[in-house]
Amino acid sequence: MAPTSHLPPNKLPVVISGPSGVGKGTLFNLLFERHPDTFAFSVSHTTRSPRNGEQDGVHYKFVTKEAFQELKAKNGFVESAQFGSNFYGTSKATIQEQSAKGKVVVLDIEMEGVKQIQASDLKARYVFIAPPSEEELERRLRGRGTDKEEDIIKRLTQAKKELEYSKTPGVHDKIIVNKDLETAYKELEDFIYAPVSE
């Protein structure tokens, strides 16, 4: 077990992707709990309204569409995407600020964002969190009880694309199947703390 404020040998940002409902949030929370002051979550910009309990600057940086487009025009995002009528993006400044504080930046990015980051000049490590099966993913999404049927269908369709994409050789440095939370967490931690290969 790594000491709590022990920085990993490799300090590159860690890009974690995977379909909705796969348990990424739970894995992030464990990583941050068990290694306080080591990691920084890259807070994305979004033009959507805050949901109940969401705080600006903690869950997202909530901005207007105009402000978002202005930052995008200045090449301020390392990746950005549109879902429905809302925009989401990871700003370069956010990553630089946290890295400058000596933190390892962790990014929660979807498939298109991963492609954009890989095409950018940001050096990072890529982890994909996969469900044990598509059936299990559907069970988890339905179990949340927060999504309408049409949204669940959309998420499952997107999940199929993401799972297909994750099989592309060389895209991800590590694929972790989240069947058992502690096992998946251990794999994630071992990957992040792996020695730097020369």
N, C-alpha and C. Protein backbone atom coordinates (compact mmCIF):
# COMPACT_ATOMS: atom_id res chain seq x y z
N MET A 1 0.85 -1.20 0.00
CA MET A 1 0.00 0.00 0.00
C MET A 1 0.89 1.24 0.00
N ALA A 2 0.65 2.12 -0.91
CA ALA A 2 1.48 3.34 -1.02
C ALA A 2 1.14 4.30 0.11
N PRO A 3 2.14 5.01 0.66
CA PRO A 3 1.84 6.00 1.70
C PRO A 3 0.88 7.06 1.15
N THR A 4 0.13 7.69 2.07
CA THR A 4 -0.97 8.55 1.63
C THR A 4 -0.57 9.70 0.72
N SER A 5 0.51 10.42 1.03
CA SER A 5 0.81 11.57 0.17
C SER A 5 1.97 11.26 -0.77
N HIS A 6 2.12 10.00 -1.07
CA HIS A 6 3.23 9.54 -1.89
C HIS A 6 2.88 9.70 -3.36
N LEU A 7 3.65 10.51 -4.05
CA LEU A 7 3.38 10.72 -5.47
C LEU A 7 3.83 9.51 -6.28
N PRO A 8 3.07 9.15 -7.31
CA PRO A 8 3.52 8.04 -8.15
C PRO A 8 4.78 8.41 -8.92
N PRO A 9 5.59 7.42 -9.31
CA PRO A 9 6.82 7.71 -10.07
C PRO A 9 6.52 8.45 -11.37
N ASN A 10 5.40 8.11 -11.99
CA ASN A 10 5.00 8.75 -13.24
C ASN A 10 3.95 9.81 -12.92
N LYS A 11 4.27 11.08 -13.18
CA LYS A 11 3.35 12.16 -12.80
C LYS A 11 2.49 12.67 -13.95
N LEU A 12 2.50 11.94 -15.06
CA LEU A 12 1.65 12.35 -16.19
C LEU A 12 0.17 12.28 -15.79
N PRO A 13 -0.66 13.15 -16.36
CA PRO A 13 -2.09 13.05 -16.09
C PRO A 13 -2.62 11.66 -16.45
N VAL A 14 -3.65 11.23 -15.71
CA VAL A 14 -4.26 9.93 -15.96
C VAL A 14 -5.67 10.18 -16.52
N VAL A 15 -5.89 9.73 -17.75
CA VAL A 15 -7.19 9.89 -18.40
C VAL A 15 -7.97 8.60 -18.20
N ILE A 16 -9.11 8.70 -17.50
CA ILE A 16 -9.91 7.50 -17.24
C ILE A 16 -11.22 7.63 -18.01
N SER A 17 -11.51 6.63 -18.81
CA SER A 17 -12.76 6.65 -19.57
C SER A 17 -13.48 5.33 -19.37
N GLY A 18 -14.71 5.30 -19.84
CA GLY A 18 -15.52 4.10 -19.70
C GLY A 18 -16.97 4.51 -19.78
N PRO A 19 -17.85 3.56 -20.09
CA PRO A 19 -19.26 3.91 -20.27
C PRO A 19 -19.92 4.38 -18.98
N SER A 20 -20.99 5.13 -19.14
CA SER A 20 -21.78 5.61 -18.02
C SER A 20 -22.30 4.42 -17.22
N GLY A 21 -22.20 4.47 -15.89
CA GLY A 21 -22.72 3.39 -15.05
C GLY A 21 -21.72 2.31 -14.74
N VAL A 22 -20.47 2.50 -15.20
CA VAL A 22 -19.46 1.44 -15.01
C VAL A 22 -18.78 1.54 -13.63
N GLY A 23 -18.99 2.65 -12.93
CA GLY A 23 -18.41 2.79 -11.59
C GLY A 23 -17.15 3.63 -11.53
N LYS A 24 -16.94 4.49 -12.54
CA LYS A 24 -15.73 5.33 -12.55
C LYS A 24 -15.71 6.26 -11.33
N GLY A 25 -16.86 6.86 -11.04
CA GLY A 25 -16.94 7.81 -9.92
C GLY A 25 -16.53 7.19 -8.61
N THR A 26 -16.99 5.96 -8.38
CA THR A 26 -16.66 5.26 -7.14
C THR A 26 -15.16 4.99 -7.07
N LEU A 27 -14.56 4.62 -8.19
CA LEU A 27 -13.11 4.36 -8.23
C LEU A 27 -12.32 5.65 -7.97
N PHE A 28 -12.78 6.75 -8.59
CA PHE A 28 -12.13 8.05 -8.37
C PHE A 28 -12.14 8.39 -6.88
N ASN A 29 -13.33 8.23 -6.28
CA ASN A 29 -13.48 8.61 -4.87
C ASN A 29 -12.54 7.82 -3.98
N LEU A 30 -12.39 6.53 -4.27
CA LEU A 30 -11.48 5.69 -3.47
C LEU A 30 -10.04 6.17 -3.63
N LEU A 31 -9.66 6.49 -4.87
CA LEU A 31 -8.30 6.95 -5.14
C LEU A 31 -8.00 8.23 -4.36
N PHE A 32 -8.95 9.15 -4.39
CA PHE A 32 -8.76 10.43 -3.71
C PHE A 32 -8.79 10.28 -2.19
N GLU A 33 -9.64 9.36 -1.69
CA GLU A 33 -9.73 9.12 -0.24
C GLU A 33 -8.44 8.50 0.28
N ARG A 34 -7.92 7.54 -0.46
CA ARG A 34 -6.77 6.78 0.03
C ARG A 34 -5.44 7.47 -0.24
N HIS A 35 -5.46 8.46 -1.10
CA HIS A 35 -4.23 9.22 -1.38
C HIS A 35 -4.53 10.72 -1.33
N PRO A 36 -4.88 11.21 -0.12
CA PRO A 36 -5.21 12.64 -0.05
C PRO A 36 -4.01 13.49 -0.45
N ASP A 37 -4.27 14.62 -1.04
CA ASP A 37 -3.21 15.59 -1.43
C ASP A 37 -2.28 15.07 -2.52
N THR A 38 -2.64 14.01 -3.19
CA THR A 38 -1.77 13.47 -4.25
C THR A 38 -2.35 13.76 -5.63
N PHE A 39 -3.68 13.58 -5.73
CA PHE A 39 -4.34 13.70 -7.03
C PHE A 39 -5.24 14.93 -7.08
N ALA A 40 -5.45 15.41 -8.27
CA ALA A 40 -6.39 16.52 -8.48
C ALA A 40 -7.32 16.12 -9.60
N PHE A 41 -8.60 16.31 -9.36
CA PHE A 41 -9.58 15.98 -10.39
C PHE A 41 -9.68 17.15 -11.34
N SER A 42 -9.61 16.87 -12.62
CA SER A 42 -9.75 17.93 -13.61
C SER A 42 -11.24 18.27 -13.73
N VAL A 43 -11.60 19.44 -13.23
CA VAL A 43 -13.00 19.86 -13.25
C VAL A 43 -13.33 20.41 -14.64
N SER A 44 -14.27 19.76 -15.31
CA SER A 44 -14.63 20.16 -16.67
C SER A 44 -15.52 21.40 -16.67
N HIS A 45 -15.44 22.12 -17.76
CA HIS A 45 -16.38 23.23 -18.00
C HIS A 45 -17.64 22.63 -18.61
N THR A 46 -18.80 23.17 -18.27
CA THR A 46 -20.03 22.76 -18.93
C THR A 46 -20.99 23.93 -19.03
N THR A 47 -21.85 23.86 -20.05
CA THR A 47 -22.86 24.91 -20.22
C THR A 47 -24.20 24.45 -19.65
N ARG A 48 -24.26 23.22 -19.11
CA ARG A 48 -25.55 22.79 -18.56
C ARG A 48 -25.75 23.39 -17.17
N SER A 49 -27.00 23.36 -16.70
CA SER A 49 -27.31 23.91 -15.38
C SER A 49 -26.87 22.93 -14.30
N PRO A 50 -26.49 23.45 -13.13
CA PRO A 50 -26.10 22.54 -12.04
C PRO A 50 -27.29 21.67 -11.60
N ARG A 51 -26.99 20.40 -11.29
CA ARG A 51 -28.02 19.53 -10.72
C ARG A 51 -28.02 19.74 -9.21
N ASN A 52 -29.02 19.18 -8.54
CA ASN A 52 -29.10 19.32 -7.08
C ASN A 52 -27.81 18.88 -6.42
N GLY A 53 -27.28 19.74 -5.57
CA GLY A 53 -26.08 19.38 -4.80
C GLY A 53 -24.77 19.65 -5.52
N GLU A 54 -24.83 19.99 -6.81
CA GLU A 54 -23.59 20.25 -7.55
C GLU A 54 -23.09 21.66 -7.26
N GLN A 55 -21.78 21.77 -7.05
CA GLN A 55 -21.19 23.08 -6.77
C GLN A 55 -20.28 23.50 -7.90
N ASP A 56 -20.35 24.79 -8.20
CA ASP A 56 -19.48 25.34 -9.25
C ASP A 56 -18.03 25.23 -8.80
N GLY A 57 -17.18 24.75 -9.69
CA GLY A 57 -15.76 24.62 -9.36
C GLY A 57 -15.42 23.32 -8.66
N VAL A 58 -16.44 22.59 -8.20
CA VAL A 58 -16.19 21.30 -7.53
C VAL A 58 -16.57 20.17 -8.49
N HIS A 59 -17.82 20.18 -8.92
CA HIS A 59 -18.28 19.14 -9.85
C HIS A 59 -18.02 19.53 -11.30
N TYR A 60 -18.31 20.78 -11.60
CA TYR A 60 -18.07 21.35 -12.93
C TYR A 60 -17.80 22.83 -12.76
N LYS A 61 -17.23 23.43 -13.81
CA LYS A 61 -17.20 24.89 -13.88
C LYS A 61 -18.37 25.25 -14.79
N PHE A 62 -19.40 25.81 -14.21
CA PHE A 62 -20.61 26.12 -14.97
C PHE A 62 -20.44 27.47 -15.66
N VAL A 63 -20.50 27.45 -16.98
CA VAL A 63 -20.29 28.68 -17.75
C VAL A 63 -21.40 28.85 -18.80
N THR A 64 -21.48 30.06 -19.34
CA THR A 64 -22.46 30.32 -20.40
C THR A 64 -21.92 29.74 -21.71
N LYS A 65 -22.81 29.56 -22.67
CA LYS A 65 -22.40 29.05 -23.98
C LYS A 65 -21.42 30.03 -24.64
N GLU A 66 -21.65 31.33 -24.41
CA GLU A 66 -20.78 32.35 -25.00
C GLU A 66 -19.36 32.22 -24.44
N ALA A 67 -19.28 32.09 -23.12
CA ALA A 67 -17.96 31.97 -22.47
C ALA A 67 -17.25 30.70 -22.93
N PHE A 68 -18.02 29.63 -23.08
CA PHE A 68 -17.45 28.36 -23.53
C PHE A 68 -16.88 28.50 -24.94
N GLN A 69 -17.69 29.06 -25.83
CA GLN A 69 -17.26 29.21 -27.23
C GLN A 69 -16.05 30.14 -27.36
N GLU A 70 -16.01 31.13 -26.48
CA GLU A 70 -14.88 32.08 -26.49
C GLU A 70 -13.58 31.36 -26.12
N LEU A 71 -13.65 30.54 -25.06
CA LEU A 71 -12.47 29.79 -24.62
C LEU A 71 -12.06 28.78 -25.70
N LYS A 72 -13.06 28.17 -26.33
CA LYS A 72 -12.77 27.19 -27.39
C LYS A 72 -12.08 27.88 -28.58
N ALA A 73 -12.56 29.07 -28.92
CA ALA A 73 -11.98 29.82 -30.04
C ALA A 73 -10.51 30.16 -29.77
N LYS A 74 -10.17 30.29 -28.49
CA LYS A 74 -8.78 30.63 -28.11
C LYS A 74 -7.93 29.36 -27.95
N ASN A 75 -8.49 28.21 -28.36
CA ASN A 75 -7.79 26.93 -28.24
C ASN A 75 -7.51 26.60 -26.76
N GLY A 76 -8.48 26.95 -25.91
CA GLY A 76 -8.29 26.78 -24.47
C GLY A 76 -8.63 25.40 -23.93
N PHE A 77 -9.22 24.54 -24.78
CA PHE A 77 -9.59 23.20 -24.32
C PHE A 77 -8.67 22.14 -24.91
N VAL A 78 -8.37 21.14 -24.08
CA VAL A 78 -7.60 20.00 -24.59
C VAL A 78 -8.58 19.03 -25.26
N GLU A 79 -9.84 19.08 -24.83
CA GLU A 79 -10.90 18.31 -25.49
C GLU A 79 -12.22 18.97 -25.14
N SER A 80 -13.17 18.86 -26.07
CA SER A 80 -14.52 19.37 -25.79
C SER A 80 -15.51 18.58 -26.61
N ALA A 81 -16.76 18.57 -26.15
CA ALA A 81 -17.78 17.80 -26.84
C ALA A 81 -19.14 18.43 -26.59
N GLN A 82 -20.09 18.04 -27.41
CA GLN A 82 -21.46 18.51 -27.23
C GLN A 82 -22.35 17.30 -27.00
N PHE A 83 -23.15 17.35 -25.92
CA PHE A 83 -24.14 16.31 -25.65
C PHE A 83 -25.49 16.99 -25.58
N GLY A 84 -26.39 16.62 -26.48
CA GLY A 84 -27.67 17.31 -26.54
C GLY A 84 -27.40 18.77 -26.87
N SER A 85 -27.94 19.66 -26.07
CA SER A 85 -27.73 21.10 -26.35
C SER A 85 -26.62 21.69 -25.49
N ASN A 86 -25.93 20.84 -24.70
CA ASN A 86 -24.89 21.35 -23.80
C ASN A 86 -23.48 20.99 -24.26
N PHE A 87 -22.55 21.86 -23.86
CA PHE A 87 -21.14 21.65 -24.19
C PHE A 87 -20.36 21.28 -22.93
N TYR A 88 -19.34 20.45 -23.13
CA TYR A 88 -18.45 20.05 -22.03
C TYR A 88 -17.02 20.17 -22.54
N GLY A 89 -16.09 20.53 -21.66
CA GLY A 89 -14.70 20.61 -22.11
C GLY A 89 -13.72 20.59 -20.96
N THR A 90 -12.51 20.14 -21.24
CA THR A 90 -11.43 20.13 -20.26
C THR A 90 -10.45 21.23 -20.65
N SER A 91 -10.28 22.22 -19.78
CA SER A 91 -9.43 23.34 -20.15
C SER A 91 -7.96 23.03 -19.86
N LYS A 92 -7.11 23.53 -20.74
CA LYS A 92 -5.66 23.33 -20.57
C LYS A 92 -5.18 23.98 -19.28
N ALA A 93 -5.77 25.15 -18.97
CA ALA A 93 -5.35 25.90 -17.77
C ALA A 93 -5.59 25.09 -16.50
N THR A 94 -6.72 24.38 -16.44
CA THR A 94 -7.05 23.57 -15.26
C THR A 94 -5.98 22.51 -15.03
N ILE A 95 -5.58 21.84 -16.09
CA ILE A 95 -4.57 20.78 -15.97
C ILE A 95 -3.23 21.39 -15.55
N GLN A 96 -2.86 22.51 -16.18
CA GLN A 96 -1.58 23.16 -15.86
C GLN A 96 -1.53 23.65 -14.41
N GLU A 97 -2.65 24.24 -13.94
CA GLU A 97 -2.70 24.74 -12.55
C GLU A 97 -2.44 23.62 -11.56
N GLN A 98 -3.13 22.49 -11.75
CA GLN A 98 -3.00 21.38 -10.80
C GLN A 98 -1.62 20.73 -10.89
N SER A 99 -1.12 20.58 -12.11
CA SER A 99 0.22 19.98 -12.27
C SER A 99 1.27 20.87 -11.60
N ALA A 100 1.08 22.18 -11.71
CA ALA A 100 2.03 23.14 -11.11
C ALA A 100 2.04 23.02 -9.59
N LYS A 101 0.91 22.57 -9.02
CA LYS A 101 0.84 22.39 -7.56
C LYS A 101 1.45 21.06 -7.13
N GLY A 102 1.98 20.32 -8.11
CA GLY A 102 2.60 19.04 -7.78
C GLY A 102 1.62 17.89 -7.70
N LYS A 103 0.41 18.11 -8.20
CA LYS A 103 -0.61 17.04 -8.15
C LYS A 103 -0.61 16.25 -9.45
N VAL A 104 -1.03 15.00 -9.36
CA VAL A 104 -1.23 14.20 -10.56
C VAL A 104 -2.69 14.41 -10.95
N VAL A 105 -2.90 14.91 -12.15
CA VAL A 105 -4.26 15.24 -12.60
C VAL A 105 -4.96 14.00 -13.13
N VAL A 106 -6.21 13.81 -12.66
CA VAL A 106 -7.02 12.69 -13.11
C VAL A 106 -8.18 13.26 -13.92
N LEU A 107 -8.37 12.75 -15.12
CA LEU A 107 -9.43 13.25 -16.00
C LEU A 107 -10.45 12.15 -16.28
N ASP A 108 -11.72 12.52 -16.19
CA ASP A 108 -12.81 11.60 -16.53
C ASP A 108 -13.33 12.05 -17.88
N ILE A 109 -13.00 11.30 -18.92
CA ILE A 109 -13.26 11.74 -20.30
C ILE A 109 -13.99 10.65 -21.07
N GLU A 110 -14.91 11.07 -21.95
CA GLU A 110 -15.57 10.04 -22.77
C GLU A 110 -14.78 9.81 -24.06
N MET A 111 -15.25 8.85 -24.85
CA MET A 111 -14.50 8.34 -26.00
C MET A 111 -14.01 9.43 -26.97
N GLU A 112 -14.89 10.34 -27.37
CA GLU A 112 -14.48 11.36 -28.34
C GLU A 112 -13.39 12.25 -27.74
N GLY A 113 -13.52 12.51 -26.44
CA GLY A 113 -12.53 13.32 -25.74
C GLY A 113 -11.16 12.64 -25.70
N VAL A 114 -11.19 11.32 -25.52
CA VAL A 114 -9.94 10.55 -25.51
C VAL A 114 -9.24 10.71 -26.87
N LYS A 115 -10.03 10.62 -27.94
CA LYS A 115 -9.46 10.77 -29.29
C LYS A 115 -8.83 12.16 -29.44
N GLN A 116 -9.54 13.19 -28.94
CA GLN A 116 -9.03 14.56 -29.06
C GLN A 116 -7.74 14.76 -28.26
N ILE A 117 -7.72 14.20 -27.04
CA ILE A 117 -6.52 14.36 -26.20
C ILE A 117 -5.33 13.64 -26.85
N GLN A 118 -5.60 12.46 -27.43
CA GLN A 118 -4.51 11.73 -28.07
C GLN A 118 -3.99 12.47 -29.29
N ALA A 119 -4.85 13.28 -29.89
CA ALA A 119 -4.42 14.06 -31.06
C ALA A 119 -3.77 15.38 -30.65
N SER A 120 -3.87 15.71 -29.33
CA SER A 120 -3.30 16.98 -28.85
C SER A 120 -1.85 16.78 -28.42
N ASP A 121 -1.26 17.82 -27.85
CA ASP A 121 0.13 17.68 -27.41
C ASP A 121 0.22 17.34 -25.92
N LEU A 122 -0.91 16.99 -25.30
CA LEU A 122 -0.90 16.62 -23.88
C LEU A 122 -0.43 15.16 -23.75
N LYS A 123 0.63 14.98 -22.98
CA LYS A 123 1.10 13.61 -22.73
C LYS A 123 0.32 13.08 -21.53
N ALA A 124 -0.23 11.88 -21.66
CA ALA A 124 -1.05 11.32 -20.58
C ALA A 124 -1.02 9.80 -20.62
N ARG A 125 -1.58 9.22 -19.57
CA ARG A 125 -1.75 7.76 -19.53
C ARG A 125 -3.25 7.47 -19.60
N TYR A 126 -3.61 6.39 -20.27
CA TYR A 126 -5.02 6.13 -20.55
C TYR A 126 -5.50 4.82 -19.93
N VAL A 127 -6.59 4.93 -19.16
CA VAL A 127 -7.19 3.75 -18.53
C VAL A 127 -8.65 3.67 -18.96
N PHE A 128 -9.10 2.47 -19.32
CA PHE A 128 -10.50 2.27 -19.67
C PHE A 128 -11.13 1.36 -18.63
N ILE A 129 -12.26 1.79 -18.06
CA ILE A 129 -12.98 0.96 -17.09
C ILE A 129 -14.13 0.29 -17.84
N ALA A 130 -14.12 -1.03 -17.85
CA ALA A 130 -15.15 -1.78 -18.59
C ALA A 130 -16.08 -2.50 -17.61
N PRO A 131 -17.33 -2.70 -18.00
CA PRO A 131 -18.24 -3.49 -17.16
C PRO A 131 -17.96 -4.98 -17.36
N PRO A 132 -18.37 -5.84 -16.42
CA PRO A 132 -18.17 -7.29 -16.61
C PRO A 132 -18.90 -7.78 -17.86
N SER A 133 -20.05 -7.16 -18.18
CA SER A 133 -20.81 -7.51 -19.38
C SER A 133 -21.76 -6.36 -19.69
N GLU A 134 -22.29 -6.37 -20.91
CA GLU A 134 -23.26 -5.32 -21.27
C GLU A 134 -24.54 -5.48 -20.44
N GLU A 135 -24.89 -6.73 -20.12
CA GLU A 135 -26.10 -6.99 -19.31
C GLU A 135 -25.95 -6.37 -17.93
N GLU A 136 -24.76 -6.55 -17.36
CA GLU A 136 -24.50 -6.01 -16.02
C GLU A 136 -24.53 -4.48 -16.05
N LEU A 137 -24.01 -3.91 -17.11
CA LEU A 137 -24.02 -2.45 -17.25
C LEU A 137 -25.46 -1.95 -17.30
N GLU A 138 -26.29 -2.64 -18.07
CA GLU A 138 -27.70 -2.24 -18.18
C GLU A 138 -28.38 -2.34 -16.81
N ARG A 139 -28.07 -3.41 -16.08
CA ARG A 139 -28.65 -3.59 -14.73
C ARG A 139 -28.25 -2.43 -13.82
N ARG A 140 -26.96 -2.03 -13.88
CA ARG A 140 -26.49 -0.92 -13.04
C ARG A 140 -27.16 0.40 -13.42
N LEU A 141 -27.27 0.65 -14.73
CA LEU A 141 -27.89 1.90 -15.18
C LEU A 141 -29.36 1.97 -14.74
N ARG A 142 -30.06 0.84 -14.88
CA ARG A 142 -31.48 0.82 -14.48
C ARG A 142 -31.60 0.91 -12.96
N GLY A 143 -30.63 0.35 -12.27
CA GLY A 143 -30.65 0.35 -10.80
C GLY A 143 -30.49 1.73 -10.20
N ARG A 144 -29.89 2.65 -10.95
CA ARG A 144 -29.70 4.01 -10.43
C ARG A 144 -31.04 4.72 -10.26
N GLY A 145 -31.98 4.35 -11.14
CA GLY A 145 -33.32 4.94 -11.05
C GLY A 145 -33.38 6.43 -11.32
N THR A 146 -32.34 6.96 -11.97
CA THR A 146 -32.32 8.42 -12.21
C THR A 146 -32.58 8.77 -13.67
N ASP A 147 -32.51 7.77 -14.55
CA ASP A 147 -32.62 8.08 -15.97
C ASP A 147 -33.94 7.62 -16.57
N LYS A 148 -34.41 8.38 -17.54
CA LYS A 148 -35.60 7.99 -18.29
C LYS A 148 -35.20 6.84 -19.22
N GLU A 149 -36.17 6.07 -19.66
CA GLU A 149 -35.92 4.92 -20.53
C GLU A 149 -35.13 5.32 -21.78
N GLU A 150 -35.54 6.42 -22.41
CA GLU A 150 -34.85 6.83 -23.65
C GLU A 150 -33.38 7.17 -23.37
N ASP A 151 -33.11 7.72 -22.16
CA ASP A 151 -31.73 8.04 -21.80
C ASP A 151 -30.92 6.77 -21.57
N ILE A 152 -31.56 5.78 -20.95
CA ILE A 152 -30.88 4.50 -20.71
C ILE A 152 -30.50 3.86 -22.05
N ILE A 153 -31.45 3.88 -23.00
CA ILE A 153 -31.19 3.30 -24.32
C ILE A 153 -30.01 4.03 -24.98
N LYS A 154 -30.02 5.38 -24.87
CA LYS A 154 -28.92 6.18 -25.46
C LYS A 154 -27.59 5.81 -24.82
N ARG A 155 -27.59 5.71 -23.49
CA ARG A 155 -26.35 5.38 -22.77
C ARG A 155 -25.83 4.00 -23.15
N LEU A 156 -26.75 3.06 -23.32
CA LEU A 156 -26.34 1.69 -23.69
C LEU A 156 -25.79 1.65 -25.11
N THR A 157 -26.41 2.42 -26.01
CA THR A 157 -25.92 2.49 -27.39
C THR A 157 -24.52 3.07 -27.41
N GLN A 158 -24.33 4.15 -26.61
CA GLN A 158 -23.01 4.79 -26.51
C GLN A 158 -22.01 3.82 -25.89
N ALA A 159 -22.45 3.07 -24.87
CA ALA A 159 -21.57 2.12 -24.19
C ALA A 159 -21.03 1.08 -25.18
N LYS A 160 -21.90 0.60 -26.06
CA LYS A 160 -21.47 -0.40 -27.06
C LYS A 160 -20.35 0.18 -27.93
N LYS A 161 -20.51 1.45 -28.33
CA LYS A 161 -19.47 2.10 -29.15
C LYS A 161 -18.17 2.22 -28.37
N GLU A 162 -18.29 2.62 -27.09
CA GLU A 162 -17.08 2.81 -26.27
C GLU A 162 -16.37 1.48 -26.04
N LEU A 163 -17.14 0.42 -25.79
CA LEU A 163 -16.53 -0.90 -25.56
C LEU A 163 -15.83 -1.39 -26.82
N GLU A 164 -16.44 -1.11 -27.97
CA GLU A 164 -15.85 -1.49 -29.24
C GLU A 164 -14.53 -0.72 -29.44
N TYR A 165 -14.59 0.58 -29.17
CA TYR A 165 -13.41 1.44 -29.35
C TYR A 165 -12.28 1.04 -28.40
N SER A 166 -12.64 0.59 -27.21
CA SER A 166 -11.62 0.22 -26.22
C SER A 166 -10.77 -0.96 -26.70
N LYS A 167 -11.30 -1.70 -27.67
CA LYS A 167 -10.55 -2.86 -28.20
C LYS A 167 -9.51 -2.45 -29.24
N THR A 168 -9.52 -1.17 -29.63
CA THR A 168 -8.54 -0.70 -30.61
C THR A 168 -7.14 -0.79 -29.99
N PRO A 169 -6.22 -1.50 -30.64
CA PRO A 169 -4.88 -1.64 -30.06
C PRO A 169 -4.20 -0.28 -29.88
N GLY A 170 -3.54 -0.12 -28.74
CA GLY A 170 -2.73 1.07 -28.52
C GLY A 170 -3.47 2.30 -28.02
N VAL A 171 -4.80 2.21 -27.90
CA VAL A 171 -5.56 3.39 -27.44
C VAL A 171 -5.42 3.57 -25.93
N HIS A 172 -5.59 2.48 -25.19
CA HIS A 172 -5.51 2.56 -23.73
C HIS A 172 -4.27 1.81 -23.23
N ASP A 173 -3.67 2.37 -22.19
CA ASP A 173 -2.52 1.70 -21.58
C ASP A 173 -2.98 0.55 -20.69
N LYS A 174 -4.22 0.66 -20.21
CA LYS A 174 -4.72 -0.35 -19.27
C LYS A 174 -6.24 -0.43 -19.38
N ILE A 175 -6.77 -1.67 -19.43
CA ILE A 175 -8.21 -1.86 -19.40
C ILE A 175 -8.53 -2.64 -18.12
N ILE A 176 -9.42 -2.08 -17.31
CA ILE A 176 -9.79 -2.70 -16.04
C ILE A 176 -11.27 -3.06 -16.08
N VAL A 177 -11.57 -4.33 -15.81
CA VAL A 177 -12.97 -4.75 -15.75
C VAL A 177 -13.45 -4.58 -14.32
N ASN A 178 -14.45 -3.71 -14.14
CA ASN A 178 -14.95 -3.44 -12.79
C ASN A 178 -16.05 -4.43 -12.41
N LYS A 179 -15.58 -5.64 -12.03
CA LYS A 179 -16.53 -6.67 -11.58
C LYS A 179 -16.63 -6.58 -10.07
N ASP A 180 -15.48 -6.53 -9.43
CA ASP A 180 -15.41 -6.38 -7.98
C ASP A 180 -14.68 -5.07 -7.70
N LEU A 181 -15.29 -4.18 -6.92
CA LEU A 181 -14.75 -2.83 -6.74
C LEU A 181 -13.32 -2.82 -6.21
N GLU A 182 -13.05 -3.59 -5.14
CA GLU A 182 -11.70 -3.56 -4.55
C GLU A 182 -10.65 -4.08 -5.51
N THR A 183 -11.01 -5.12 -6.25
CA THR A 183 -10.06 -5.70 -7.22
C THR A 183 -9.77 -4.67 -8.31
N ALA A 184 -10.83 -4.02 -8.81
CA ALA A 184 -10.67 -3.01 -9.86
C ALA A 184 -9.84 -1.84 -9.33
N TYR A 185 -10.12 -1.45 -8.08
CA TYR A 185 -9.37 -0.33 -7.49
C TYR A 185 -7.88 -0.67 -7.38
N LYS A 186 -7.59 -1.90 -6.93
CA LYS A 186 -6.20 -2.33 -6.76
C LYS A 186 -5.48 -2.28 -8.12
N GLU A 187 -6.16 -2.72 -9.17
CA GLU A 187 -5.58 -2.68 -10.52
C GLU A 187 -5.27 -1.24 -10.94
N LEU A 188 -6.21 -0.34 -10.63
CA LEU A 188 -6.04 1.06 -10.99
C LEU A 188 -4.86 1.66 -10.23
N GLU A 189 -4.83 1.40 -8.94
CA GLU A 189 -3.75 1.93 -8.10
C GLU A 189 -2.39 1.37 -8.53
N ASP A 190 -2.34 0.08 -8.79
CA ASP A 190 -1.08 -0.55 -9.23
C ASP A 190 -0.60 0.07 -10.55
N PHE A 191 -1.55 0.33 -11.45
CA PHE A 191 -1.19 0.93 -12.73
C PHE A 191 -0.64 2.35 -12.51
N ILE A 192 -1.35 3.14 -11.73
CA ILE A 192 -0.92 4.54 -11.51
C ILE A 192 0.43 4.60 -10.80
N TYR A 193 0.65 3.67 -9.89
CA TYR A 193 1.90 3.68 -9.11
C TYR A 193 2.99 2.80 -9.69
N ALA A 194 2.78 2.27 -10.87
CA ALA A 194 3.79 1.40 -11.49
C ALA A 194 5.08 2.20 -11.72
N PRO A 195 6.24 1.56 -11.57
CA PRO A 195 7.50 2.26 -11.84
C PRO A 195 7.54 2.72 -13.29
N VAL A 196 8.25 3.80 -13.52
CA VAL A 196 8.39 4.32 -14.89
C VAL A 196 9.34 3.42 -15.65
N SER A 197 8.87 2.90 -16.77
CA SER A 197 9.78 2.06 -17.56
C SER A 197 10.61 2.97 -18.46
N GLU A 198 11.88 2.66 -18.51
CA GLU A 198 12.81 3.52 -19.27
C GLU A 198 12.54 3.40 -20.76
